[in-house]
Every structure is written in C-alpha cells, then in structure tokens.
Amino acid sequence: MIKEVYNFANGGLNVETPSKPVTEKQGIKVGDACRAKSEMFSGWLRCEVVKLYQNAAMVKIIACRNPQDDVVQHELDDVAIVRIRDLTVLKEVS
C-alpha cells in the first residue's frame, strides 16, 4: 500500500507504512445500521452491514425509501453491495 505522505527519496512511494483501509477511516463495523445510496435504487436504503471489503460493503436491506424500489429489493433477496463512501452510520436512540 502507498503511504499518504510524499517521499522524494524513492520516487514518492513509501511502502513501509501502509495507509489505513477506508473502513477504519469511516468507522464502519459489521452489524452497524446504515443509510446507503446505490446505483440500482432510486432512493436511500436503510440497511445493516453484513461483510466489509476494501472499498465496498455487503449489506442486508431493511427498508427502501421509495416504494418502486421494493421490486428491486425483492429480486436481490434483500442483499446489495454498496460503496463504503456511500454509507452513513445511523446513530442508535436509546
């Protein structure tokens, strides 16, 4: 992985210290309730993170904002892959 600070000694790349994965920067964990935007849906989704990848997450869809997205949700069996940058963690109200 590439370090974020530019190093002139070896051509700008510093491979000793890897940068943090996107998931650590965003603070997203498996089991978090999130709001997501996907290209397959016309509106926002309420979902739960099932599995994390390097730049994406597999989510279980809880609810769609737009009623016309319910057909797509049913076809995908309530599972979708979304970009991590399109996920927003929802705060739990106690």
N, C-alpha and C. Protein backbone atom coordinates (compact mmCIF):
# COMPACT_ATOMS: atom_id res chain seq x y z
N MET A 1 0.83 -1.18 0.00
CA MET A 1 0.00 0.00 0.00
C MET A 1 0.88 1.24 0.00
N ILE A 2 0.32 2.35 -0.37
CA ILE A 2 1.06 3.59 -0.50
C ILE A 2 0.82 4.47 0.72
N LYS A 3 1.90 5.03 1.24
CA LYS A 3 1.77 5.96 2.36
C LYS A 3 1.30 7.30 1.82
N GLU A 4 0.52 8.02 2.60
CA GLU A 4 -0.09 9.26 2.13
C GLU A 4 0.89 10.43 2.09
N VAL A 5 2.02 10.37 2.77
CA VAL A 5 3.00 11.46 2.77
C VAL A 5 3.97 11.23 1.62
N TYR A 6 4.26 12.28 0.85
CA TYR A 6 5.16 12.16 -0.30
C TYR A 6 6.60 12.08 0.17
N ASN A 7 7.35 11.12 -0.37
CA ASN A 7 8.75 10.91 -0.01
C ASN A 7 9.57 11.01 -1.29
N PHE A 8 10.49 11.99 -1.35
CA PHE A 8 11.28 12.21 -2.56
C PHE A 8 12.37 11.16 -2.74
N ALA A 9 12.81 10.48 -1.69
CA ALA A 9 13.95 9.56 -1.76
C ALA A 9 13.70 8.39 -2.70
N ASN A 10 12.54 7.78 -2.67
CA ASN A 10 12.29 6.63 -3.53
C ASN A 10 11.09 6.88 -4.46
N GLY A 11 11.11 8.02 -5.11
CA GLY A 11 10.13 8.29 -6.14
C GLY A 11 8.74 8.62 -5.65
N GLY A 12 8.60 8.99 -4.41
CA GLY A 12 7.29 9.37 -3.90
C GLY A 12 6.52 8.25 -3.24
N LEU A 13 7.03 7.03 -3.29
CA LEU A 13 6.33 5.91 -2.70
C LEU A 13 7.03 5.48 -1.42
N ASN A 14 6.27 5.21 -0.41
CA ASN A 14 6.81 4.71 0.84
C ASN A 14 5.99 3.49 1.22
N VAL A 15 6.56 2.31 1.06
CA VAL A 15 5.81 1.08 1.27
C VAL A 15 5.98 0.50 2.66
N GLU A 16 6.77 1.13 3.52
CA GLU A 16 6.97 0.58 4.86
C GLU A 16 5.71 0.73 5.72
N THR A 17 5.03 1.85 5.64
CA THR A 17 3.88 2.11 6.47
C THR A 17 2.63 2.21 5.60
N PRO A 18 1.77 1.20 5.62
CA PRO A 18 0.56 1.26 4.78
C PRO A 18 -0.46 2.25 5.33
N SER A 19 -1.26 2.81 4.43
CA SER A 19 -2.32 3.71 4.87
C SER A 19 -3.49 2.88 5.40
N LYS A 20 -4.35 3.52 6.18
CA LYS A 20 -5.49 2.82 6.77
C LYS A 20 -6.50 2.45 5.69
N PRO A 21 -7.16 1.31 5.84
CA PRO A 21 -8.25 0.99 4.91
C PRO A 21 -9.39 1.99 5.06
N VAL A 22 -10.21 2.08 4.04
CA VAL A 22 -11.33 3.02 4.04
C VAL A 22 -12.28 2.75 5.19
N THR A 23 -12.45 1.47 5.56
CA THR A 23 -13.39 1.12 6.62
C THR A 23 -12.97 1.70 7.97
N GLU A 24 -11.67 1.76 8.24
CA GLU A 24 -11.20 2.34 9.50
C GLU A 24 -11.40 3.85 9.51
N LYS A 25 -11.22 4.49 8.37
CA LYS A 25 -11.40 5.93 8.29
C LYS A 25 -12.86 6.30 8.51
N GLN A 26 -13.78 5.51 7.99
CA GLN A 26 -15.20 5.80 8.10
C GLN A 26 -15.77 5.36 9.44
N GLY A 27 -15.14 4.43 10.13
CA GLY A 27 -15.65 3.94 11.40
C GLY A 27 -16.82 2.99 11.24
N ILE A 28 -16.86 2.25 10.15
CA ILE A 28 -17.95 1.33 9.87
C ILE A 28 -17.54 -0.06 10.32
N LYS A 29 -18.45 -0.74 11.03
CA LYS A 29 -18.19 -2.09 11.51
C LYS A 29 -19.32 -3.01 11.07
N VAL A 30 -19.06 -4.31 11.09
CA VAL A 30 -20.09 -5.30 10.76
C VAL A 30 -21.19 -5.21 11.82
N GLY A 31 -22.43 -5.18 11.38
CA GLY A 31 -23.56 -5.09 12.28
C GLY A 31 -24.11 -3.69 12.45
N ASP A 32 -23.42 -2.68 11.92
CA ASP A 32 -23.91 -1.30 12.03
C ASP A 32 -25.14 -1.08 11.17
N ALA A 33 -26.08 -0.32 11.68
CA ALA A 33 -27.23 0.11 10.89
C ALA A 33 -26.81 1.36 10.13
N CYS A 34 -27.04 1.35 8.82
CA CYS A 34 -26.56 2.43 7.96
C CYS A 34 -27.64 2.90 7.01
N ARG A 35 -27.38 4.07 6.45
CA ARG A 35 -28.15 4.59 5.34
C ARG A 35 -27.23 4.53 4.14
N ALA A 36 -27.72 4.01 3.01
CA ALA A 36 -26.86 3.80 1.85
C ALA A 36 -27.52 4.30 0.58
N LYS A 37 -26.68 4.64 -0.38
CA LYS A 37 -27.14 5.03 -1.71
C LYS A 37 -26.49 4.08 -2.69
N SER A 38 -27.28 3.49 -3.58
CA SER A 38 -26.77 2.56 -4.57
C SER A 38 -27.30 2.96 -5.94
N GLU A 39 -26.54 2.62 -6.98
CA GLU A 39 -26.95 2.94 -8.35
C GLU A 39 -28.17 2.15 -8.79
N MET A 40 -28.42 1.03 -8.15
CA MET A 40 -29.54 0.18 -8.53
C MET A 40 -30.88 0.68 -7.99
N PHE A 41 -30.83 1.58 -7.02
CA PHE A 41 -32.04 2.07 -6.37
C PHE A 41 -32.17 3.57 -6.62
N SER A 42 -33.41 4.05 -6.67
CA SER A 42 -33.64 5.47 -6.94
C SER A 42 -33.55 6.33 -5.68
N GLY A 43 -33.63 5.73 -4.52
CA GLY A 43 -33.57 6.49 -3.27
C GLY A 43 -32.63 5.85 -2.27
N TRP A 44 -32.68 6.35 -1.04
CA TRP A 44 -31.84 5.85 0.03
C TRP A 44 -32.35 4.50 0.53
N LEU A 45 -31.43 3.72 1.09
CA LEU A 45 -31.75 2.43 1.69
C LEU A 45 -31.42 2.47 3.17
N ARG A 46 -32.19 1.81 3.98
CA ARG A 46 -31.81 1.55 5.37
C ARG A 46 -31.32 0.11 5.38
N CYS A 47 -30.11 -0.10 5.89
CA CYS A 47 -29.51 -1.43 5.78
C CYS A 47 -28.62 -1.73 6.98
N GLU A 48 -28.18 -2.99 7.03
CA GLU A 48 -27.26 -3.46 8.07
C GLU A 48 -26.05 -4.06 7.38
N VAL A 49 -24.85 -3.70 7.85
CA VAL A 49 -23.61 -4.19 7.24
C VAL A 49 -23.41 -5.65 7.61
N VAL A 50 -23.24 -6.50 6.57
CA VAL A 50 -23.04 -7.93 6.77
C VAL A 50 -21.57 -8.29 6.63
N LYS A 51 -20.89 -7.71 5.62
CA LYS A 51 -19.50 -8.04 5.36
C LYS A 51 -18.80 -6.81 4.79
N LEU A 52 -17.55 -6.60 5.19
CA LEU A 52 -16.77 -5.46 4.70
C LEU A 52 -15.69 -5.93 3.74
N TYR A 53 -15.54 -5.21 2.65
CA TYR A 53 -14.47 -5.42 1.69
C TYR A 53 -13.56 -4.20 1.76
N GLN A 54 -12.58 -4.10 0.86
CA GLN A 54 -11.64 -2.99 0.93
C GLN A 54 -12.32 -1.64 0.68
N ASN A 55 -13.14 -1.54 -0.35
CA ASN A 55 -13.81 -0.27 -0.67
C ASN A 55 -15.32 -0.41 -0.77
N ALA A 56 -15.85 -1.56 -0.38
CA ALA A 56 -17.29 -1.81 -0.51
C ALA A 56 -17.77 -2.60 0.71
N ALA A 57 -19.08 -2.71 0.80
CA ALA A 57 -19.69 -3.47 1.89
C ALA A 57 -20.89 -4.23 1.37
N MET A 58 -21.07 -5.46 1.87
CA MET A 58 -22.28 -6.21 1.59
C MET A 58 -23.27 -5.86 2.69
N VAL A 59 -24.47 -5.44 2.28
CA VAL A 59 -25.46 -5.01 3.25
C VAL A 59 -26.75 -5.80 3.08
N LYS A 60 -27.46 -5.96 4.20
CA LYS A 60 -28.79 -6.55 4.19
C LYS A 60 -29.78 -5.39 4.21
N ILE A 61 -30.63 -5.31 3.20
CA ILE A 61 -31.56 -4.20 3.08
C ILE A 61 -32.71 -4.38 4.06
N ILE A 62 -32.94 -3.37 4.88
CA ILE A 62 -34.05 -3.39 5.83
C ILE A 62 -35.28 -2.73 5.21
N ALA A 63 -35.08 -1.55 4.61
CA ALA A 63 -36.20 -0.83 4.01
C ALA A 63 -35.69 0.10 2.92
N CYS A 64 -36.54 0.33 1.93
CA CYS A 64 -36.25 1.28 0.85
C CYS A 64 -37.09 2.53 1.07
N ARG A 65 -36.55 3.67 0.68
CA ARG A 65 -37.29 4.92 0.84
C ARG A 65 -38.42 5.04 -0.18
N ASN A 66 -38.14 4.65 -1.42
CA ASN A 66 -39.14 4.75 -2.49
C ASN A 66 -39.86 3.42 -2.68
N PRO A 67 -41.18 3.43 -2.80
CA PRO A 67 -41.93 2.18 -2.97
C PRO A 67 -41.57 1.42 -4.25
N GLN A 68 -41.16 2.12 -5.32
CA GLN A 68 -40.82 1.42 -6.56
C GLN A 68 -39.53 0.61 -6.43
N ASP A 69 -38.73 0.87 -5.40
CA ASP A 69 -37.50 0.10 -5.18
C ASP A 69 -37.76 -1.24 -4.50
N ASP A 70 -38.97 -1.47 -4.01
CA ASP A 70 -39.29 -2.73 -3.35
C ASP A 70 -39.17 -3.92 -4.30
N VAL A 71 -39.46 -3.72 -5.58
CA VAL A 71 -39.33 -4.80 -6.57
C VAL A 71 -37.87 -5.19 -6.73
N VAL A 72 -36.99 -4.20 -6.82
CA VAL A 72 -35.55 -4.48 -6.95
C VAL A 72 -35.03 -5.15 -5.69
N GLN A 73 -35.49 -4.70 -4.53
CA GLN A 73 -35.08 -5.30 -3.26
C GLN A 73 -35.47 -6.77 -3.22
N HIS A 74 -36.67 -7.10 -3.66
CA HIS A 74 -37.13 -8.48 -3.65
C HIS A 74 -36.32 -9.33 -4.63
N GLU A 75 -35.97 -8.78 -5.81
CA GLU A 75 -35.17 -9.53 -6.79
C GLU A 75 -33.77 -9.82 -6.28
N LEU A 76 -33.22 -8.93 -5.46
CA LEU A 76 -31.87 -9.11 -4.92
C LEU A 76 -31.86 -9.90 -3.61
N ASP A 77 -33.01 -10.38 -3.18
CA ASP A 77 -33.13 -11.12 -1.92
C ASP A 77 -32.60 -10.34 -0.72
N ASP A 78 -32.89 -9.05 -0.69
CA ASP A 78 -32.54 -8.16 0.42
C ASP A 78 -31.04 -8.02 0.66
N VAL A 79 -30.21 -8.28 -0.35
CA VAL A 79 -28.76 -8.15 -0.21
C VAL A 79 -28.24 -7.28 -1.36
N ALA A 80 -27.33 -6.36 -1.03
CA ALA A 80 -26.74 -5.50 -2.06
C ALA A 80 -25.29 -5.19 -1.68
N ILE A 81 -24.51 -4.81 -2.69
CA ILE A 81 -23.14 -4.36 -2.48
C ILE A 81 -23.12 -2.86 -2.74
N VAL A 82 -22.61 -2.09 -1.78
CA VAL A 82 -22.56 -0.63 -1.92
C VAL A 82 -21.14 -0.14 -1.62
N ARG A 83 -20.81 1.02 -2.16
CA ARG A 83 -19.51 1.64 -1.86
C ARG A 83 -19.51 2.13 -0.42
N ILE A 84 -18.36 2.04 0.22
CA ILE A 84 -18.26 2.48 1.61
C ILE A 84 -18.45 3.99 1.70
N ARG A 85 -17.99 4.72 0.70
CA ARG A 85 -18.15 6.18 0.75
C ARG A 85 -19.62 6.60 0.64
N ASP A 86 -20.49 5.69 0.19
CA ASP A 86 -21.92 5.98 0.10
C ASP A 86 -22.70 5.51 1.33
N LEU A 87 -22.00 5.02 2.36
CA LEU A 87 -22.64 4.57 3.59
C LEU A 87 -22.55 5.64 4.67
N THR A 88 -23.63 5.80 5.42
CA THR A 88 -23.65 6.71 6.57
C THR A 88 -24.18 5.92 7.76
N VAL A 89 -23.40 5.85 8.83
CA VAL A 89 -23.81 5.11 10.01
C VAL A 89 -24.91 5.88 10.73
N LEU A 90 -25.99 5.18 11.06
CA LEU A 90 -27.11 5.79 11.78
C LEU A 90 -26.87 5.67 13.28
N LYS A 91 -27.16 6.72 14.01
CA LYS A 91 -26.99 6.70 15.47
C LYS A 91 -28.14 5.96 16.10
N GLU A 92 -27.83 5.16 17.13
CA GLU A 92 -28.86 4.42 17.84
C GLU A 92 -29.48 5.32 18.91
N VAL A 93 -30.80 5.29 18.99
CA VAL A 93 -31.51 6.07 20.01
C VAL A 93 -31.90 5.14 21.13
N SER A 94 -31.49 5.45 22.36
CA SER A 94 -31.79 4.58 23.49
C SER A 94 -32.93 5.13 24.30
